[in-house]
């Protein structure tokens, strides 16, 4: 009469695993918000800081780039540093997500969140 009820144990395991994964994802997201990456350009003349979630948090600019006739160069260096910080943030986040999925025994190309 209760044939097939053994599958409920498997379902319970799946639900518990999903809850654990959700908790680990939340923990990772909090870590990434507190992790800072630094992008730079112009051999370090311009540096941009961002969280590993990609939120720009600051810019450091060497005053030597503020030459009125070099305005476009300064703008390009600033933009390049921001893009570098965003790229590093994305790479850090993806690396941590791959580590998380690997720790859970999921395939390396498994995409989270769903």
N, C-alpha and C. Protein backbone atom coordinates (compact mmCIF):
# COMPACT_ATOMS: atom_id res chain seq x y z
N UNK A 1 0.81 -1.19 0.00
CA UNK A 1 0.00 0.00 0.00
C UNK A 1 0.86 1.27 0.00
N UNK A 2 2.00 1.25 0.68
CA UNK A 2 2.86 2.42 0.73
C UNK A 2 4.07 2.24 -0.16
N UNK A 3 3.91 1.46 -1.21
CA UNK A 3 5.02 1.29 -2.14
C UNK A 3 5.41 2.64 -2.72
N UNK A 4 6.70 2.83 -2.88
CA UNK A 4 7.17 4.08 -3.45
C UNK A 4 7.41 5.15 -2.41
N UNK A 5 7.04 4.90 -1.17
CA UNK A 5 7.24 5.90 -0.11
C UNK A 5 8.72 6.07 0.21
N UNK A 6 9.54 5.08 -0.18
CA UNK A 6 10.98 5.19 0.04
C UNK A 6 11.54 6.40 -0.70
N UNK A 7 10.88 6.83 -1.73
CA UNK A 7 11.31 7.99 -2.49
C UNK A 7 11.22 9.27 -1.68
N UNK A 8 10.40 9.29 -0.63
CA UNK A 8 10.28 10.48 0.20
C UNK A 8 11.58 10.77 0.94
N UNK A 9 12.31 9.71 1.31
CA UNK A 9 13.60 9.90 1.95
C UNK A 9 14.55 10.61 1.02
N UNK A 10 14.52 10.21 -0.26
CA UNK A 10 15.38 10.87 -1.24
C UNK A 10 14.97 12.33 -1.43
N UNK A 11 13.68 12.57 -1.41
CA UNK A 11 13.18 13.93 -1.57
C UNK A 11 13.60 14.79 -0.37
N UNK A 12 13.56 14.20 0.81
CA UNK A 12 13.98 14.92 2.02
C UNK A 12 15.46 15.27 1.92
N UNK A 13 16.26 14.34 1.44
CA UNK A 13 17.69 14.59 1.26
C UNK A 13 17.91 15.71 0.26
N UNK A 14 17.14 15.67 -0.83
CA UNK A 14 17.28 16.72 -1.85
C UNK A 14 16.90 18.08 -1.29
N UNK A 15 15.83 18.14 -0.52
CA UNK A 15 15.39 19.41 0.06
C UNK A 15 16.44 19.93 1.05
N UNK A 16 17.01 19.03 1.84
CA UNK A 16 18.03 19.45 2.80
C UNK A 16 19.26 19.96 2.05
N UNK A 17 19.64 19.25 0.98
CA UNK A 17 20.80 19.68 0.18
C UNK A 17 20.53 21.05 -0.46
N UNK A 18 19.31 21.27 -0.92
CA UNK A 18 18.96 22.55 -1.53
C UNK A 18 19.03 23.67 -0.49
N UNK A 19 18.57 23.40 0.72
CA UNK A 19 18.63 24.41 1.78
C UNK A 19 20.09 24.72 2.14
N UNK A 20 20.92 23.69 2.21
CA UNK A 20 22.34 23.89 2.50
C UNK A 20 22.99 24.72 1.40
N UNK A 21 22.65 24.40 0.14
CA UNK A 21 23.21 25.14 -0.99
C UNK A 21 22.77 26.60 -0.92
N UNK A 22 21.53 26.84 -0.57
CA UNK A 22 21.02 28.21 -0.47
C UNK A 22 21.77 28.96 0.63
N UNK A 23 22.01 28.31 1.76
CA UNK A 23 22.74 28.95 2.85
C UNK A 23 24.17 29.26 2.44
N UNK A 24 24.80 28.34 1.73
CA UNK A 24 26.17 28.56 1.27
C UNK A 24 26.23 29.68 0.24
N UNK A 25 25.22 29.75 -0.62
CA UNK A 25 25.16 30.82 -1.62
C UNK A 25 25.03 32.18 -0.93
N UNK A 26 24.20 32.26 0.09
CA UNK A 26 24.01 33.51 0.81
C UNK A 26 25.31 33.92 1.51
N UNK A 27 25.99 32.93 2.09
CA UNK A 27 27.27 33.21 2.75
C UNK A 27 28.31 33.70 1.73
N UNK A 28 28.34 33.05 0.57
CA UNK A 28 29.27 33.47 -0.48
C UNK A 28 28.96 34.89 -0.94
N UNK A 29 27.70 35.20 -1.14
CA UNK A 29 27.32 36.55 -1.57
C UNK A 29 27.76 37.60 -0.55
N UNK A 30 27.62 37.28 0.73
CA UNK A 30 28.06 38.22 1.77
C UNK A 30 29.58 38.38 1.73
N UNK A 31 30.30 37.27 1.53
CA UNK A 31 31.75 37.34 1.42
C UNK A 31 32.17 38.21 0.24
N UNK A 32 31.50 38.03 -0.89
CA UNK A 32 31.85 38.78 -2.10
C UNK A 32 31.58 40.26 -1.94
N UNK A 33 30.57 40.61 -1.15
CA UNK A 33 30.29 42.02 -0.89
C UNK A 33 31.40 42.65 -0.06
N UNK A 34 32.08 41.84 0.75
CA UNK A 34 33.15 42.34 1.59
C UNK A 34 34.54 42.17 0.98
N UNK A 35 34.63 41.48 -0.15
CA UNK A 35 35.91 41.25 -0.80
C UNK A 35 36.17 42.38 -1.79
N UNK A 36 37.35 42.97 -1.71
CA UNK A 36 37.69 44.09 -2.57
C UNK A 36 38.74 43.67 -3.59
N UNK A 37 38.51 44.03 -4.84
CA UNK A 37 39.49 43.83 -5.90
C UNK A 37 39.93 45.21 -6.38
N UNK A 38 41.15 45.27 -6.91
CA UNK A 38 41.67 46.55 -7.40
C UNK A 38 42.07 46.39 -8.85
N UNK A 39 41.50 47.24 -9.70
CA UNK A 39 41.88 47.30 -11.10
C UNK A 39 42.77 48.50 -11.29
N UNK A 40 43.69 48.39 -12.22
CA UNK A 40 44.56 49.54 -12.46
C UNK A 40 44.87 49.71 -13.94
N UNK A 41 45.33 50.91 -14.24
CA UNK A 41 45.75 51.23 -15.60
C UNK A 41 46.89 52.23 -15.51
N UNK A 42 47.56 52.42 -16.65
CA UNK A 42 48.65 53.39 -16.70
C UNK A 42 49.76 53.04 -15.72
N UNK A 43 50.08 51.74 -15.63
CA UNK A 43 51.14 51.25 -14.72
C UNK A 43 50.89 51.71 -13.28
N UNK A 44 49.61 51.69 -12.89
CA UNK A 44 49.27 52.03 -11.52
C UNK A 44 48.95 53.49 -11.27
N UNK A 45 48.95 54.31 -12.30
CA UNK A 45 48.62 55.73 -12.12
C UNK A 45 47.16 55.91 -11.71
N UNK A 46 46.30 55.01 -12.18
CA UNK A 46 44.89 55.05 -11.83
C UNK A 46 44.50 53.68 -11.30
N UNK A 47 43.86 53.67 -10.13
CA UNK A 47 43.40 52.43 -9.51
C UNK A 47 41.94 52.57 -9.15
N UNK A 48 41.18 51.53 -9.44
CA UNK A 48 39.76 51.51 -9.10
C UNK A 48 39.51 50.32 -8.17
N UNK A 49 38.77 50.57 -7.09
CA UNK A 49 38.42 49.51 -6.15
C UNK A 49 36.95 49.16 -6.33
N UNK A 50 36.68 47.86 -6.26
CA UNK A 50 35.30 47.39 -6.37
C UNK A 50 35.13 46.16 -5.49
N UNK A 51 33.89 45.91 -5.08
CA UNK A 51 33.63 44.66 -4.38
C UNK A 51 33.66 43.54 -5.41
N UNK A 52 33.79 42.31 -4.94
CA UNK A 52 33.79 41.17 -5.87
C UNK A 52 32.41 40.98 -6.49
N UNK A 53 31.42 41.72 -6.02
CA UNK A 53 30.09 41.71 -6.63
C UNK A 53 30.01 42.75 -7.75
N UNK A 54 31.09 43.55 -7.93
CA UNK A 54 31.14 44.50 -9.02
C UNK A 54 30.78 45.94 -8.67
N UNK A 55 30.51 46.23 -7.41
CA UNK A 55 30.16 47.60 -7.01
C UNK A 55 31.43 48.43 -6.85
N UNK A 56 31.54 49.49 -7.63
CA UNK A 56 32.69 50.38 -7.56
C UNK A 56 32.67 51.11 -6.22
N UNK A 57 33.80 51.06 -5.48
CA UNK A 57 33.84 51.66 -4.15
C UNK A 57 34.83 52.82 -4.04
N UNK A 58 35.74 52.96 -4.99
CA UNK A 58 36.68 54.06 -4.89
C UNK A 58 37.65 54.11 -6.05
N UNK A 59 38.26 55.26 -6.21
CA UNK A 59 39.25 55.48 -7.27
C UNK A 59 40.42 56.25 -6.67
N UNK A 60 41.63 55.81 -6.99
CA UNK A 60 42.85 56.54 -6.61
C UNK A 60 43.53 56.99 -7.90
N UNK A 61 43.81 58.29 -7.99
CA UNK A 61 44.40 58.85 -9.20
C UNK A 61 45.67 59.60 -8.85
N UNK A 62 46.75 59.23 -9.52
CA UNK A 62 48.00 59.95 -9.33
C UNK A 62 47.82 61.34 -9.94
N UNK A 63 48.14 62.41 -9.20
CA UNK A 63 47.92 63.77 -9.70
C UNK A 63 48.70 64.11 -10.97
N UNK A 64 49.72 63.34 -11.28
CA UNK A 64 50.53 63.65 -12.47
C UNK A 64 49.75 63.50 -13.78
N UNK A 65 48.61 62.82 -13.74
CA UNK A 65 47.86 62.65 -14.99
C UNK A 65 46.95 63.85 -15.28
N UNK A 66 46.86 64.79 -14.36
CA UNK A 66 45.99 65.94 -14.56
C UNK A 66 46.69 67.09 -15.28
N UNK A 67 46.95 66.84 -16.53
CA UNK A 67 47.53 67.86 -17.39
C UNK A 67 46.41 68.24 -18.36
N UNK A 68 46.01 69.50 -18.39
CA UNK A 68 44.86 69.89 -19.22
C UNK A 68 44.93 69.39 -20.67
N UNK A 69 46.10 69.39 -21.25
CA UNK A 69 46.20 68.95 -22.64
C UNK A 69 46.08 67.43 -22.77
N UNK A 70 46.12 66.71 -21.65
CA UNK A 70 46.04 65.24 -21.65
C UNK A 70 44.71 64.75 -21.07
N UNK A 71 43.68 65.57 -21.15
CA UNK A 71 42.38 65.23 -20.58
C UNK A 71 41.87 63.88 -21.08
N UNK A 72 41.94 63.63 -22.37
CA UNK A 72 41.44 62.38 -22.93
C UNK A 72 42.22 61.18 -22.42
N UNK A 73 43.52 61.35 -22.24
CA UNK A 73 44.35 60.26 -21.71
C UNK A 73 43.91 59.93 -20.29
N UNK A 74 43.70 60.95 -19.47
CA UNK A 74 43.25 60.74 -18.09
C UNK A 74 41.90 60.02 -18.07
N UNK A 75 40.97 60.45 -18.90
CA UNK A 75 39.66 59.80 -18.97
C UNK A 75 39.78 58.34 -19.38
N UNK A 76 40.64 58.06 -20.36
CA UNK A 76 40.85 56.69 -20.81
C UNK A 76 41.46 55.83 -19.70
N UNK A 77 42.41 56.39 -18.96
CA UNK A 77 43.04 55.64 -17.87
C UNK A 77 42.03 55.33 -16.76
N UNK A 78 41.18 56.30 -16.45
CA UNK A 78 40.16 56.08 -15.42
C UNK A 78 39.19 54.99 -15.87
N UNK A 79 38.71 55.09 -17.08
CA UNK A 79 37.79 54.09 -17.60
C UNK A 79 38.44 52.71 -17.64
N UNK A 80 39.68 52.63 -18.06
CA UNK A 80 40.38 51.35 -18.12
C UNK A 80 40.54 50.73 -16.73
N UNK A 81 40.83 51.54 -15.73
CA UNK A 81 40.97 51.03 -14.37
C UNK A 81 39.64 50.50 -13.85
N UNK A 82 38.55 51.21 -14.14
CA UNK A 82 37.23 50.75 -13.72
C UNK A 82 36.88 49.43 -14.39
N UNK A 83 37.13 49.33 -15.68
CA UNK A 83 36.84 48.09 -16.40
C UNK A 83 37.69 46.94 -15.87
N UNK A 84 38.94 47.22 -15.52
CA UNK A 84 39.82 46.20 -14.98
C UNK A 84 39.29 45.71 -13.63
N UNK A 85 38.84 46.63 -12.80
CA UNK A 85 38.28 46.25 -11.49
C UNK A 85 37.02 45.41 -11.67
N UNK A 86 36.16 45.79 -12.61
CA UNK A 86 34.94 45.03 -12.86
C UNK A 86 35.26 43.64 -13.38
N UNK A 87 36.26 43.54 -14.24
CA UNK A 87 36.67 42.24 -14.78
C UNK A 87 37.20 41.35 -13.65
N UNK A 88 38.03 41.92 -12.79
CA UNK A 88 38.58 41.15 -11.67
C UNK A 88 37.47 40.73 -10.70
N UNK A 89 36.49 41.59 -10.51
CA UNK A 89 35.36 41.26 -9.64
C UNK A 89 34.59 40.07 -10.21
N UNK A 90 34.32 40.11 -11.49
CA UNK A 90 33.61 39.01 -12.15
C UNK A 90 34.39 37.71 -12.05
N UNK A 91 35.69 37.78 -12.31
CA UNK A 91 36.54 36.59 -12.24
C UNK A 91 36.57 36.01 -10.83
N UNK A 92 36.67 36.87 -9.82
CA UNK A 92 36.71 36.42 -8.43
C UNK A 92 35.39 35.76 -8.07
N UNK A 93 34.29 36.36 -8.45
CA UNK A 93 32.98 35.81 -8.14
C UNK A 93 32.79 34.46 -8.82
N UNK A 94 33.14 34.37 -10.09
CA UNK A 94 33.00 33.10 -10.81
C UNK A 94 33.90 32.02 -10.22
N UNK A 95 35.10 32.39 -9.84
CA UNK A 95 36.03 31.44 -9.23
C UNK A 95 35.46 30.89 -7.92
N UNK A 96 34.89 31.77 -7.11
CA UNK A 96 34.31 31.33 -5.84
C UNK A 96 33.06 30.48 -6.07
N UNK A 97 32.28 30.81 -7.07
CA UNK A 97 31.10 30.01 -7.38
C UNK A 97 31.51 28.61 -7.85
N UNK A 98 32.55 28.52 -8.67
CA UNK A 98 33.03 27.21 -9.11
C UNK A 98 33.55 26.40 -7.93
N UNK A 99 34.24 27.07 -7.01
CA UNK A 99 34.72 26.38 -5.82
C UNK A 99 33.54 25.86 -5.01
N UNK A 100 32.51 26.68 -4.85
CA UNK A 100 31.33 26.30 -4.09
C UNK A 100 30.63 25.10 -4.72
N UNK A 101 30.43 25.14 -6.03
CA UNK A 101 29.75 24.03 -6.69
C UNK A 101 30.61 22.77 -6.63
N UNK A 102 31.93 22.93 -6.73
CA UNK A 102 32.82 21.78 -6.63
C UNK A 102 32.77 21.17 -5.24
N UNK A 103 32.71 22.00 -4.21
CA UNK A 103 32.60 21.51 -2.84
C UNK A 103 31.31 20.74 -2.62
N UNK A 104 30.29 21.08 -3.40
CA UNK A 104 29.00 20.40 -3.27
C UNK A 104 28.92 19.15 -4.14
N UNK A 105 29.97 18.90 -4.91
CA UNK A 105 29.97 17.73 -5.78
C UNK A 105 29.22 17.94 -7.08
N UNK A 106 28.97 19.21 -7.43
CA UNK A 106 28.27 19.51 -8.68
C UNK A 106 29.28 19.65 -9.81
N UNK A 107 28.85 19.45 -11.05
CA UNK A 107 29.78 19.60 -12.18
C UNK A 107 30.37 21.00 -12.24
N UNK A 108 31.58 21.11 -12.75
CA UNK A 108 32.30 22.40 -12.80
C UNK A 108 31.53 23.45 -13.60
N UNK A 109 30.77 23.04 -14.61
CA UNK A 109 30.06 24.01 -15.44
C UNK A 109 28.63 24.26 -14.96
N UNK A 110 28.30 23.76 -13.76
CA UNK A 110 26.97 23.98 -13.19
C UNK A 110 26.81 25.44 -12.85
N UNK A 111 25.72 26.04 -13.30
CA UNK A 111 25.51 27.49 -13.10
C UNK A 111 24.61 27.75 -11.90
N UNK A 112 25.10 28.59 -11.00
CA UNK A 112 24.32 29.04 -9.86
C UNK A 112 24.31 30.57 -9.91
N UNK A 113 23.32 31.24 -9.43
CA UNK A 113 22.03 30.70 -9.08
C UNK A 113 21.30 30.23 -10.32
N UNK A 114 20.25 29.45 -10.09
CA UNK A 114 19.56 28.77 -11.19
C UNK A 114 18.97 29.72 -12.17
